[in-house]
Every structure is written in structure tokens, then in C-alpha cells.
mmCIF file of all heavy atoms, coordinates in Angstrom:
data_MODEL
# 
_entry.id   MODEL 
# 
loop_
_atom_site.group_PDB 
_atom_site.id 
_atom_site.type_symbol 
_atom_site.label_atom_id 
_atom_site.label_alt_id 
_atom_site.label_comp_id 
_atom_site.label_asym_id 
_atom_site.label_entity_id 
_atom_site.label_seq_id 
_atom_site.pdbx_PDB_ins_code 
_atom_site.Cartn_x 
_atom_site.Cartn_y 
_atom_site.Cartn_z 
_atom_site.occupancy 
_atom_site.B_iso_or_equiv 
_atom_site.pdbx_formal_charge 
_atom_site.auth_seq_id 
_atom_site.auth_comp_id 
_atom_site.auth_asym_id 
_atom_site.auth_atom_id 
_atom_site.pdbx_PDB_model_num 
ATOM 1   N N   . ALA A 1 1  ? 253.629 -36.752 -79.005  1.00 0.00 ? 1  ALA A N   1 
ATOM 2   C CA  . ALA A 1 1  ? 253.089 -38.078 -78.528  1.00 0.00 ? 1  ALA A CA  1 
ATOM 3   C C   . ALA A 1 1  ? 251.960 -38.538 -79.409  1.00 0.00 ? 1  ALA A C   1 
ATOM 4   O O   . ALA A 1 1  ? 251.673 -39.779 -79.651  1.00 0.00 ? 1  ALA A O   1 
ATOM 5   C CB  . ALA A 1 1  ? 252.791 -38.106 -77.103  1.00 0.00 ? 1  ALA A CB  1 
ATOM 6   N N   . TRP A 1 2  ? 250.990 -37.621 -79.686  1.00 0.00 ? 2  TRP A N   1 
ATOM 7   C CA  . TRP A 1 2  ? 249.781 -38.021 -80.339  1.00 0.00 ? 2  TRP A CA  1 
ATOM 8   C C   . TRP A 1 2  ? 250.031 -38.480 -81.883  1.00 0.00 ? 2  TRP A C   1 
ATOM 9   O O   . TRP A 1 2  ? 249.159 -39.147 -82.475  1.00 0.00 ? 2  TRP A O   1 
ATOM 10  C CB  . TRP A 1 2  ? 248.796 -36.863 -80.405  1.00 0.00 ? 2  TRP A CB  1 
ATOM 11  C CG  . TRP A 1 2  ? 249.187 -35.637 -80.958  1.00 0.00 ? 2  TRP A CG  1 
ATOM 12  C CD1 . TRP A 1 2  ? 249.717 -34.573 -80.297  1.00 0.00 ? 2  TRP A CD1 1 
ATOM 13  C CD2 . TRP A 1 2  ? 249.306 -35.237 -82.261  1.00 0.00 ? 2  TRP A CD2 1 
ATOM 14  N NE1 . TRP A 1 2  ? 250.110 -33.517 -81.102  1.00 0.00 ? 2  TRP A NE1 1 
ATOM 15  C CE2 . TRP A 1 2  ? 249.907 -33.936 -82.343  1.00 0.00 ? 2  TRP A CE2 1 
ATOM 16  C CE3 . TRP A 1 2  ? 248.965 -35.922 -83.457  1.00 0.00 ? 2  TRP A CE3 1 
ATOM 17  C CZ2 . TRP A 1 2  ? 250.080 -33.142 -83.592  1.00 0.00 ? 2  TRP A CZ2 1 
ATOM 18  C CZ3 . TRP A 1 2  ? 249.096 -35.221 -84.737  1.00 0.00 ? 2  TRP A CZ3 1 
ATOM 19  C CH2 . TRP A 1 2  ? 249.671 -34.004 -84.728  1.00 0.00 ? 2  TRP A CH2 1 
ATOM 20  N N   . ALA A 1 3  ? 251.228 -38.164 -82.358  1.00 0.00 ? 3  ALA A N   1 
ATOM 21  C CA  . ALA A 1 3  ? 251.468 -38.553 -83.731  1.00 0.00 ? 3  ALA A CA  1 
ATOM 22  C C   . ALA A 1 3  ? 251.996 -39.973 -83.786  1.00 0.00 ? 3  ALA A C   1 
ATOM 23  O O   . ALA A 1 3  ? 252.101 -40.396 -84.979  1.00 0.00 ? 3  ALA A O   1 
ATOM 24  C CB  . ALA A 1 3  ? 252.457 -37.589 -84.281  1.00 0.00 ? 3  ALA A CB  1 
ATOM 25  N N   . GLN A 1 4  ? 252.171 -40.619 -82.641  1.00 0.00 ? 4  GLN A N   1 
ATOM 26  C CA  . GLN A 1 4  ? 252.686 -42.045 -82.789  1.00 0.00 ? 4  GLN A CA  1 
ATOM 27  C C   . GLN A 1 4  ? 251.670 -42.948 -83.011  1.00 0.00 ? 4  GLN A C   1 
ATOM 28  O O   . GLN A 1 4  ? 250.529 -42.796 -82.417  1.00 0.00 ? 4  GLN A O   1 
ATOM 29  C CB  . GLN A 1 4  ? 253.450 -42.353 -81.415  1.00 0.00 ? 4  GLN A CB  1 
ATOM 30  C CG  . GLN A 1 4  ? 254.659 -41.353 -81.045  1.00 0.00 ? 4  GLN A CG  1 
ATOM 31  C CD  . GLN A 1 4  ? 255.701 -41.424 -82.157  1.00 0.00 ? 4  GLN A CD  1 
ATOM 32  O OE1 . GLN A 1 4  ? 256.144 -42.433 -82.677  1.00 0.00 ? 4  GLN A OE1 1 
ATOM 33  N NE2 . GLN A 1 4  ? 255.963 -40.185 -82.758  1.00 0.00 ? 4  GLN A NE2 1 
ATOM 34  N N   . PRO A 1 5  ? 251.872 -43.961 -83.770  1.00 0.00 ? 5  PRO A N   1 
ATOM 35  C CA  . PRO A 1 5  ? 250.818 -44.981 -83.915  1.00 0.00 ? 5  PRO A CA  1 
ATOM 36  C C   . PRO A 1 5  ? 250.560 -45.745 -82.764  1.00 0.00 ? 5  PRO A C   1 
ATOM 37  O O   . PRO A 1 5  ? 251.461 -45.929 -81.854  1.00 0.00 ? 5  PRO A O   1 
ATOM 38  C CB  . PRO A 1 5  ? 251.295 -45.859 -85.093  1.00 0.00 ? 5  PRO A CB  1 
ATOM 39  C CG  . PRO A 1 5  ? 252.849 -45.678 -84.957  1.00 0.00 ? 5  PRO A CG  1 
ATOM 40  C CD  . PRO A 1 5  ? 253.112 -44.236 -84.447  1.00 0.00 ? 5  PRO A CD  1 
ATOM 41  N N   . THR A 1 6  ? 249.342 -46.345 -82.650  1.00 0.00 ? 6  THR A N   1 
ATOM 42  C CA  . THR A 1 6  ? 249.058 -47.210 -81.472  1.00 0.00 ? 6  THR A CA  1 
ATOM 43  C C   . THR A 1 6  ? 249.243 -48.679 -81.900  1.00 0.00 ? 6  THR A C   1 
ATOM 44  O O   . THR A 1 6  ? 248.874 -49.107 -83.027  1.00 0.00 ? 6  THR A O   1 
ATOM 45  C CB  . THR A 1 6  ? 247.465 -46.999 -81.171  1.00 0.00 ? 6  THR A CB  1 
ATOM 46  O OG1 . THR A 1 6  ? 247.346 -45.697 -80.614  1.00 0.00 ? 6  THR A OG1 1 
ATOM 47  C CG2 . THR A 1 6  ? 246.982 -48.063 -80.092  1.00 0.00 ? 6  THR A CG2 1 
ATOM 48  N N   . GLU A 1 7  ? 249.945 -49.450 -81.050  1.00 0.00 ? 7  GLU A N   1 
ATOM 49  C CA  . GLU A 1 7  ? 250.290 -50.732 -81.406  1.00 0.00 ? 7  GLU A CA  1 
ATOM 50  C C   . GLU A 1 7  ? 249.369 -51.674 -80.455  1.00 0.00 ? 7  GLU A C   1 
ATOM 51  O O   . GLU A 1 7  ? 249.434 -51.508 -79.237  1.00 0.00 ? 7  GLU A O   1 
ATOM 52  C CB  . GLU A 1 7  ? 251.775 -51.017 -81.368  1.00 0.00 ? 7  GLU A CB  1 
ATOM 53  C CG  . GLU A 1 7  ? 252.573 -50.310 -82.431  1.00 0.00 ? 7  GLU A CG  1 
ATOM 54  C CD  . GLU A 1 7  ? 253.846 -51.032 -82.680  1.00 0.00 ? 7  GLU A CD  1 
ATOM 55  O OE1 . GLU A 1 7  ? 254.102 -52.073 -82.183  1.00 0.00 ? 7  GLU A OE1 1 
ATOM 56  O OE2 . GLU A 1 7  ? 254.570 -50.610 -83.738  1.00 0.00 ? 7  GLU A OE2 1 
ATOM 57  N N   . LEU A 1 8  ? 249.041 -52.762 -81.045  1.00 0.00 ? 8  LEU A N   1 
ATOM 58  C CA  . LEU A 1 8  ? 248.278 -53.913 -80.240  1.00 0.00 ? 8  LEU A CA  1 
ATOM 59  C C   . LEU A 1 8  ? 248.648 -55.066 -80.817  1.00 0.00 ? 8  LEU A C   1 
ATOM 60  O O   . LEU A 1 8  ? 248.471 -55.476 -81.918  1.00 0.00 ? 8  LEU A O   1 
ATOM 61  C CB  . LEU A 1 8  ? 246.637 -53.664 -80.462  1.00 0.00 ? 8  LEU A CB  1 
ATOM 62  C CG  . LEU A 1 8  ? 245.992 -52.548 -79.694  1.00 0.00 ? 8  LEU A CG  1 
ATOM 63  C CD1 . LEU A 1 8  ? 244.443 -52.490 -80.082  1.00 0.00 ? 8  LEU A CD1 1 
ATOM 64  C CD2 . LEU A 1 8  ? 246.100 -52.715 -78.230  1.00 0.00 ? 8  LEU A CD2 1 
ATOM 65  N N   . PHE A 1 9  ? 249.418 -55.925 -80.056  1.00 0.00 ? 9  PHE A N   1 
ATOM 66  C CA  . PHE A 1 9  ? 249.827 -57.197 -80.401  1.00 0.00 ? 9  PHE A CA  1 
ATOM 67  C C   . PHE A 1 9  ? 250.561 -57.233 -81.736  1.00 0.00 ? 9  PHE A C   1 
ATOM 68  O O   . PHE A 1 9  ? 250.329 -58.138 -82.660  1.00 0.00 ? 9  PHE A O   1 
ATOM 69  C CB  . PHE A 1 9  ? 248.739 -58.120 -80.383  1.00 0.00 ? 9  PHE A CB  1 
ATOM 70  C CG  . PHE A 1 9  ? 247.997 -58.168 -78.980  1.00 0.00 ? 9  PHE A CG  1 
ATOM 71  C CD1 . PHE A 1 9  ? 246.728 -57.613 -78.851  1.00 0.00 ? 9  PHE A CD1 1 
ATOM 72  C CD2 . PHE A 1 9  ? 248.573 -58.858 -77.859  1.00 0.00 ? 9  PHE A CD2 1 
ATOM 73  C CE1 . PHE A 1 9  ? 246.023 -57.629 -77.622  1.00 0.00 ? 9  PHE A CE1 1 
ATOM 74  C CE2 . PHE A 1 9  ? 247.859 -58.875 -76.711  1.00 0.00 ? 9  PHE A CE2 1 
ATOM 75  C CZ  . PHE A 1 9  ? 246.727 -58.247 -76.589  1.00 0.00 ? 9  PHE A CZ  1 
ATOM 76  N N   . GLY A 1 10 ? 251.426 -56.258 -81.856  1.00 0.00 ? 10 GLY A N   1 
ATOM 77  C CA  . GLY A 1 10 ? 252.216 -56.169 -83.117  1.00 0.00 ? 10 GLY A CA  1 
ATOM 78  C C   . GLY A 1 10 ? 251.452 -55.453 -84.211  1.00 0.00 ? 10 GLY A C   1 
ATOM 79  O O   . GLY A 1 10 ? 252.077 -55.316 -85.412  1.00 0.00 ? 10 GLY A O   1 
ATOM 80  N N   . ILE A 1 11 ? 250.065 -55.065 -84.159  1.00 0.00 ? 11 ILE A N   1 
ATOM 81  C CA  . ILE A 1 11 ? 249.375 -54.399 -85.195  1.00 0.00 ? 11 ILE A CA  1 
ATOM 82  C C   . ILE A 1 11 ? 249.418 -52.908 -84.933  1.00 0.00 ? 11 ILE A C   1 
ATOM 83  O O   . ILE A 1 11 ? 249.095 -52.460 -83.851  1.00 0.00 ? 11 ILE A O   1 
ATOM 84  C CB  . ILE A 1 11 ? 247.998 -54.826 -85.246  1.00 0.00 ? 11 ILE A CB  1 
ATOM 85  C CG1 . ILE A 1 11 ? 247.887 -56.354 -85.335  1.00 0.00 ? 11 ILE A CG1 1 
ATOM 86  C CG2 . ILE A 1 11 ? 247.114 -54.177 -86.296  1.00 0.00 ? 11 ILE A CG2 1 
ATOM 87  C CD1 . ILE A 1 11 ? 248.490 -56.992 -86.565  1.00 0.00 ? 11 ILE A CD1 1 
ATOM 88  N N   . SER A 1 12 ? 249.865 -52.165 -85.934  1.00 0.00 ? 12 SER A N   1 
ATOM 89  C CA  . SER A 1 12 ? 250.143 -50.750 -85.722  1.00 0.00 ? 12 SER A CA  1 
ATOM 90  C C   . SER A 1 12 ? 248.826 -49.980 -86.474  1.00 0.00 ? 12 SER A C   1 
ATOM 91  O O   . SER A 1 12 ? 248.565 -50.204 -87.653  1.00 0.00 ? 12 SER A O   1 
ATOM 92  C CB  . SER A 1 12 ? 251.293 -50.247 -86.454  1.00 0.00 ? 12 SER A CB  1 
ATOM 93  O OG  . SER A 1 12 ? 251.457 -48.877 -86.429  1.00 0.00 ? 12 SER A OG  1 
ATOM 94  N N   . TYR A 1 13 ? 248.166 -49.253 -85.580  1.00 0.00 ? 13 TYR A N   1 
ATOM 95  C CA  . TYR A 1 13 ? 247.075 -48.348 -86.047  1.00 0.00 ? 13 TYR A CA  1 
ATOM 96  C C   . TYR A 1 13 ? 247.573 -46.938 -86.062  1.00 0.00 ? 13 TYR A C   1 
ATOM 97  O O   . TYR A 1 13 ? 248.003 -46.366 -85.076  1.00 0.00 ? 13 TYR A O   1 
ATOM 98  C CB  . TYR A 1 13 ? 245.958 -48.420 -85.150  1.00 0.00 ? 13 TYR A CB  1 
ATOM 99  C CG  . TYR A 1 13 ? 245.228 -49.776 -85.370  1.00 0.00 ? 13 TYR A CG  1 
ATOM 100 C CD1 . TYR A 1 13 ? 245.253 -50.757 -84.388  1.00 0.00 ? 13 TYR A CD1 1 
ATOM 101 C CD2 . TYR A 1 13 ? 244.351 -49.913 -86.390  1.00 0.00 ? 13 TYR A CD2 1 
ATOM 102 C CE1 . TYR A 1 13 ? 244.444 -51.881 -84.558  1.00 0.00 ? 13 TYR A CE1 1 
ATOM 103 C CE2 . TYR A 1 13 ? 243.667 -51.092 -86.609  1.00 0.00 ? 13 TYR A CE2 1 
ATOM 104 C CZ  . TYR A 1 13 ? 243.671 -52.028 -85.652  1.00 0.00 ? 13 TYR A CZ  1 
ATOM 105 O OH  . TYR A 1 13 ? 242.953 -53.332 -85.795  1.00 0.00 ? 13 TYR A OH  1 
ATOM 106 N N   . PRO A 1 14 ? 247.669 -46.123 -87.319  1.00 0.00 ? 14 PRO A N   1 
ATOM 107 C CA  . PRO A 1 14 ? 247.945 -44.842 -87.357  1.00 0.00 ? 14 PRO A CA  1 
ATOM 108 C C   . PRO A 1 14 ? 246.931 -43.941 -86.519  1.00 0.00 ? 14 PRO A C   1 
ATOM 109 O O   . PRO A 1 14 ? 245.711 -44.378 -86.322  1.00 0.00 ? 14 PRO A O   1 
ATOM 110 C CB  . PRO A 1 14 ? 247.835 -44.511 -88.794  1.00 0.00 ? 14 PRO A CB  1 
ATOM 111 C CG  . PRO A 1 14 ? 246.943 -45.503 -89.402  1.00 0.00 ? 14 PRO A CG  1 
ATOM 112 C CD  . PRO A 1 14 ? 247.117 -46.694 -88.571  1.00 0.00 ? 14 PRO A CD  1 
ATOM 113 N N   . GLN A 1 15 ? 247.375 -42.697 -86.199  1.00 0.00 ? 15 GLN A N   1 
ATOM 114 C CA  . GLN A 1 15 ? 246.548 -41.882 -85.412  1.00 0.00 ? 15 GLN A CA  1 
ATOM 115 C C   . GLN A 1 15 ? 245.469 -41.320 -86.329  1.00 0.00 ? 15 GLN A C   1 
ATOM 116 O O   . GLN A 1 15 ? 244.462 -40.781 -85.760  1.00 0.00 ? 15 GLN A O   1 
ATOM 117 C CB  . GLN A 1 15 ? 247.306 -40.758 -84.722  1.00 0.00 ? 15 GLN A CB  1 
ATOM 118 C CG  . GLN A 1 15 ? 248.075 -41.187 -83.485  1.00 0.00 ? 15 GLN A CG  1 
ATOM 119 C CD  . GLN A 1 15 ? 247.187 -41.681 -82.441  1.00 0.00 ? 15 GLN A CD  1 
ATOM 120 O OE1 . GLN A 1 15 ? 246.288 -41.095 -81.947  1.00 0.00 ? 15 GLN A OE1 1 
ATOM 121 N NE2 . GLN A 1 15 ? 247.509 -43.001 -81.883  1.00 0.00 ? 15 GLN A NE2 1 
ATOM 122 N N   . THR A 1 16 ? 245.766 -41.164 -87.508  1.00 0.00 ? 16 THR A N   1 
ATOM 123 C CA  . THR A 1 16 ? 244.726 -40.622 -88.593  1.00 0.00 ? 16 THR A CA  1 
ATOM 124 C C   . THR A 1 16 ? 244.810 -41.427 -89.807  1.00 0.00 ? 16 THR A C   1 
ATOM 125 O O   . THR A 1 16 ? 245.820 -42.117 -90.148  1.00 0.00 ? 16 THR A O   1 
ATOM 126 C CB  . THR A 1 16 ? 245.025 -39.094 -88.943  1.00 0.00 ? 16 THR A CB  1 
ATOM 127 O OG1 . THR A 1 16 ? 246.278 -39.079 -89.577  1.00 0.00 ? 16 THR A OG1 1 
ATOM 128 C CG2 . THR A 1 16 ? 245.116 -38.227 -87.709  1.00 0.00 ? 16 THR A CG2 1 
ATOM 129 N N   . LEU A 1 17 ? 243.685 -41.434 -90.563  1.00 0.00 ? 17 LEU A N   1 
ATOM 130 C CA  . LEU A 1 17 ? 243.574 -42.044 -91.828  1.00 0.00 ? 17 LEU A CA  1 
ATOM 131 C C   . LEU A 1 17 ? 242.439 -41.208 -92.594  1.00 0.00 ? 17 LEU A C   1 
ATOM 132 O O   . LEU A 1 17 ? 241.713 -40.505 -92.089  1.00 0.00 ? 17 LEU A O   1 
ATOM 133 C CB  . LEU A 1 17 ? 243.243 -43.474 -91.833  1.00 0.00 ? 17 LEU A CB  1 
ATOM 134 C CG  . LEU A 1 17 ? 242.097 -44.156 -91.020  1.00 0.00 ? 17 LEU A CG  1 
ATOM 135 C CD1 . LEU A 1 17 ? 240.815 -43.756 -91.605  1.00 0.00 ? 17 LEU A CD1 1 
ATOM 136 C CD2 . LEU A 1 17 ? 242.299 -45.528 -90.912  1.00 0.00 ? 17 LEU A CD2 1 
ATOM 137 N N   . LYS A 1 18 ? 242.230 -41.470 -93.935  1.00 0.00 ? 18 LYS A N   1 
ATOM 138 C CA  . LYS A 1 18 ? 241.327 -40.803 -94.635  1.00 0.00 ? 18 LYS A CA  1 
ATOM 139 C C   . LYS A 1 18 ? 240.356 -41.651 -95.285  1.00 0.00 ? 18 LYS A C   1 
ATOM 140 O O   . LYS A 1 18 ? 240.648 -42.754 -95.735  1.00 0.00 ? 18 LYS A O   1 
ATOM 141 C CB  . LYS A 1 18 ? 242.075 -39.945 -95.743  1.00 0.00 ? 18 LYS A CB  1 
ATOM 142 C CG  . LYS A 1 18 ? 242.768 -38.806 -95.405  1.00 0.00 ? 18 LYS A CG  1 
ATOM 143 C CD  . LYS A 1 18 ? 243.166 -37.818 -96.460  1.00 0.00 ? 18 LYS A CD  1 
ATOM 144 C CE  . LYS A 1 18 ? 243.819 -36.622 -95.878  1.00 0.00 ? 18 LYS A CE  1 
ATOM 145 N NZ  . LYS A 1 18 ? 244.205 -35.521 -97.020  1.00 0.00 ? 18 LYS A NZ  1 
ATOM 146 N N   . VAL A 1 19 ? 239.015 -41.263 -95.059  1.00 0.00 ? 19 VAL A N   1 
ATOM 147 C CA  . VAL A 1 19 ? 237.897 -41.897 -95.785  1.00 0.00 ? 19 VAL A CA  1 
ATOM 148 C C   . VAL A 1 19 ? 237.212 -40.904 -96.657  1.00 0.00 ? 19 VAL A C   1 
ATOM 149 O O   . VAL A 1 19 ? 236.724 -39.789 -96.083  1.00 0.00 ? 19 VAL A O   1 
ATOM 150 C CB  . VAL A 1 19 ? 237.038 -42.479 -94.699  1.00 0.00 ? 19 VAL A CB  1 
ATOM 151 C CG1 . VAL A 1 19 ? 235.661 -43.057 -95.456  1.00 0.00 ? 19 VAL A CG1 1 
ATOM 152 C CG2 . VAL A 1 19 ? 237.627 -43.680 -94.102  1.00 0.00 ? 19 VAL A CG2 1 
ATOM 153 N N   . GLU A 1 20 ? 237.046 -41.235 -97.919  1.00 0.00 ? 20 GLU A N   1 
ATOM 154 C CA  . GLU A 1 20 ? 236.512 -40.220 -98.878  1.00 0.00 ? 20 GLU A CA  1 
ATOM 155 C C   . GLU A 1 20 ? 237.104 -38.813 -98.819  1.00 0.00 ? 20 GLU A C   1 
ATOM 156 O O   . GLU A 1 20 ? 236.293 -37.797 -98.809  1.00 0.00 ? 20 GLU A O   1 
ATOM 157 C CB  . GLU A 1 20 ? 234.896 -40.187 -98.566  1.00 0.00 ? 20 GLU A CB  1 
ATOM 158 C CG  . GLU A 1 20 ? 234.159 -41.362 -98.787  1.00 0.00 ? 20 GLU A CG  1 
ATOM 159 C CD  . GLU A 1 20 ? 234.053 -41.653 -100.332 1.00 0.00 ? 20 GLU A CD  1 
ATOM 160 O OE1 . GLU A 1 20 ? 233.422 -40.886 -101.095 1.00 0.00 ? 20 GLU A OE1 1 
ATOM 161 O OE2 . GLU A 1 20 ? 234.644 -42.722 -100.685 1.00 0.00 ? 20 GLU A OE2 1 
ATOM 162 N N   . GLY A 1 21 ? 238.328 -38.835 -98.666  1.00 0.00 ? 21 GLY A N   1 
ATOM 163 C CA  . GLY A 1 21 ? 239.093 -37.538 -98.619  1.00 0.00 ? 21 GLY A CA  1 
ATOM 164 C C   . GLY A 1 21 ? 239.037 -36.802 -97.178  1.00 0.00 ? 21 GLY A C   1 
ATOM 165 O O   . GLY A 1 21 ? 239.711 -35.774 -97.188  1.00 0.00 ? 21 GLY A O   1 
ATOM 166 N N   . ARG A 1 22 ? 238.337 -37.284 -96.268  1.00 0.00 ? 22 ARG A N   1 
ATOM 167 C CA  . ARG A 1 22 ? 238.269 -36.691 -94.982  1.00 0.00 ? 22 ARG A CA  1 
ATOM 168 C C   . ARG A 1 22 ? 239.099 -37.306 -94.046  1.00 0.00 ? 22 ARG A C   1 
ATOM 169 O O   . ARG A 1 22 ? 239.114 -38.612 -93.843  1.00 0.00 ? 22 ARG A O   1 
ATOM 170 C CB  . ARG A 1 22 ? 236.821 -36.545 -94.566  1.00 0.00 ? 22 ARG A CB  1 
ATOM 171 C CG  . ARG A 1 22 ? 236.686 -35.927 -93.209  1.00 0.00 ? 22 ARG A CG  1 
ATOM 172 C CD  . ARG A 1 22 ? 235.174 -35.417 -92.923  1.00 0.00 ? 22 ARG A CD  1 
ATOM 173 N NE  . ARG A 1 22 ? 235.064 -34.831 -91.605  1.00 0.00 ? 22 ARG A NE  1 
ATOM 174 C CZ  . ARG A 1 22 ? 233.931 -34.510 -91.137  1.00 0.00 ? 22 ARG A CZ  1 
ATOM 175 N NH1 . ARG A 1 22 ? 232.831 -34.664 -91.787  1.00 0.00 ? 22 ARG A NH1 1 
ATOM 176 N NH2 . ARG A 1 22 ? 233.894 -33.779 -89.915  1.00 0.00 ? 22 ARG A NH2 1 
ATOM 177 N N   . THR A 1 23 ? 239.823 -36.559 -93.142  1.00 0.00 ? 23 THR A N   1 
ATOM 178 C CA  . THR A 1 23 ? 240.715 -37.081 -92.139  1.00 0.00 ? 23 THR A CA  1 
ATOM 179 C C   . THR A 1 23 ? 239.951 -37.580 -90.989  1.00 0.00 ? 23 THR A C   1 
ATOM 180 O O   . THR A 1 23 ? 239.213 -36.847 -90.326  1.00 0.00 ? 23 THR A O   1 
ATOM 181 C CB  . THR A 1 23 ? 241.820 -36.109 -91.749  1.00 0.00 ? 23 THR A CB  1 
ATOM 182 O OG1 . THR A 1 23 ? 242.519 -35.773 -92.992  1.00 0.00 ? 23 THR A OG1 1 
ATOM 183 C CG2 . THR A 1 23 ? 242.724 -36.727 -90.678  1.00 0.00 ? 23 THR A CG2 1 
ATOM 184 N N   . LEU A 1 24 ? 240.155 -38.814 -90.627  1.00 0.00 ? 24 LEU A N   1 
ATOM 185 C CA  . LEU A 1 24 ? 239.506 -39.321 -89.382  1.00 0.00 ? 24 LEU A CA  1 
ATOM 186 C C   . LEU A 1 24 ? 240.552 -39.529 -88.300  1.00 0.00 ? 24 LEU A C   1 
ATOM 187 O O   . LEU A 1 24 ? 241.697 -39.907 -88.562  1.00 0.00 ? 24 LEU A O   1 
ATOM 188 C CB  . LEU A 1 24 ? 238.805 -40.691 -89.635  1.00 0.00 ? 24 LEU A CB  1 
ATOM 189 C CG  . LEU A 1 24 ? 237.640 -40.643 -90.761  1.00 0.00 ? 24 LEU A CG  1 
ATOM 190 C CD1 . LEU A 1 24 ? 237.128 -41.970 -90.861  1.00 0.00 ? 24 LEU A CD1 1 
ATOM 191 C CD2 . LEU A 1 24 ? 236.777 -39.466 -90.420  1.00 0.00 ? 24 LEU A CD2 1 
ATOM 192 N N   . GLN A 1 25 ? 240.257 -39.514 -87.061  1.00 0.00 ? 25 GLN A N   1 
ATOM 193 C CA  . GLN A 1 25 ? 241.084 -39.654 -85.956  1.00 0.00 ? 25 GLN A CA  1 
ATOM 194 C C   . GLN A 1 25 ? 240.771 -40.921 -85.278  1.00 0.00 ? 25 GLN A C   1 
ATOM 195 O O   . GLN A 1 25 ? 239.730 -41.486 -85.115  1.00 0.00 ? 25 GLN A O   1 
ATOM 196 C CB  . GLN A 1 25 ? 240.920 -38.520 -84.974  1.00 0.00 ? 25 GLN A CB  1 
ATOM 197 C CG  . GLN A 1 25 ? 241.172 -37.183 -85.599  1.00 0.00 ? 25 GLN A CG  1 
ATOM 198 C CD  . GLN A 1 25 ? 240.982 -36.051 -84.479  1.00 0.00 ? 25 GLN A CD  1 
ATOM 199 O OE1 . GLN A 1 25 ? 241.661 -35.911 -83.590  1.00 0.00 ? 25 GLN A OE1 1 
ATOM 200 N NE2 . GLN A 1 25 ? 239.913 -35.290 -84.783  1.00 0.00 ? 25 GLN A NE2 1 
ATOM 201 N N   . LEU A 1 26 ? 241.875 -41.656 -84.709  1.00 0.00 ? 26 LEU A N   1 
ATOM 202 C CA  . LEU A 1 26 ? 241.795 -42.829 -83.913  1.00 0.00 ? 26 LEU A CA  1 
ATOM 203 C C   . LEU A 1 26 ? 241.171 -42.538 -82.667  1.00 0.00 ? 26 LEU A C   1 
ATOM 204 O O   . LEU A 1 26 ? 241.583 -41.708 -81.861  1.00 0.00 ? 26 LEU A O   1 
ATOM 205 C CB  . LEU A 1 26 ? 243.144 -43.430 -83.727  1.00 0.00 ? 26 LEU A CB  1 
ATOM 206 C CG  . LEU A 1 26 ? 243.184 -44.696 -82.832  1.00 0.00 ? 26 LEU A CG  1 
ATOM 207 C CD1 . LEU A 1 26 ? 242.435 -45.725 -83.563  1.00 0.00 ? 26 LEU A CD1 1 
ATOM 208 C CD2 . LEU A 1 26 ? 244.496 -45.072 -82.550  1.00 0.00 ? 26 LEU A CD2 1 
ATOM 209 N N   . ASN A 1 27 ? 239.893 -43.074 -82.489  1.00 0.00 ? 27 ASN A N   1 
ATOM 210 C CA  . ASN A 1 27 ? 239.100 -42.851 -81.279  1.00 0.00 ? 27 ASN A CA  1 
ATOM 211 C C   . ASN A 1 27 ? 239.491 -43.695 -80.075  1.00 0.00 ? 27 ASN A C   1 
ATOM 212 O O   . ASN A 1 27 ? 239.419 -43.533 -78.947  1.00 0.00 ? 27 ASN A O   1 
ATOM 213 C CB  . ASN A 1 27 ? 237.647 -42.953 -81.527  1.00 0.00 ? 27 ASN A CB  1 
ATOM 214 C CG  . ASN A 1 27 ? 236.787 -42.050 -80.465  1.00 0.00 ? 27 ASN A CG  1 
ATOM 215 O OD1 . ASN A 1 27 ? 236.577 -40.875 -80.590  1.00 0.00 ? 27 ASN A OD1 1 
ATOM 216 N ND2 . ASN A 1 27 ? 236.167 -42.960 -79.599  1.00 0.00 ? 27 ASN A ND2 1 
# 
């Protein structure tokens, strides 16, 4: 379940992304 993207009004936010090579989590 945690691997699924979050959707808001048709906008999909991934659960993780990278900034400067470091993995960040959707808070």
C-alpha cells in the first residue's frame, strides 16, 4: 500500500523522490 502514489485532484505524487541523490519520503 505504501508504494502507491498519492493522488490529489488528478495530480499524482510518488511516495519517494530523490534530491541530491538522497531518497526523500512523502510526508
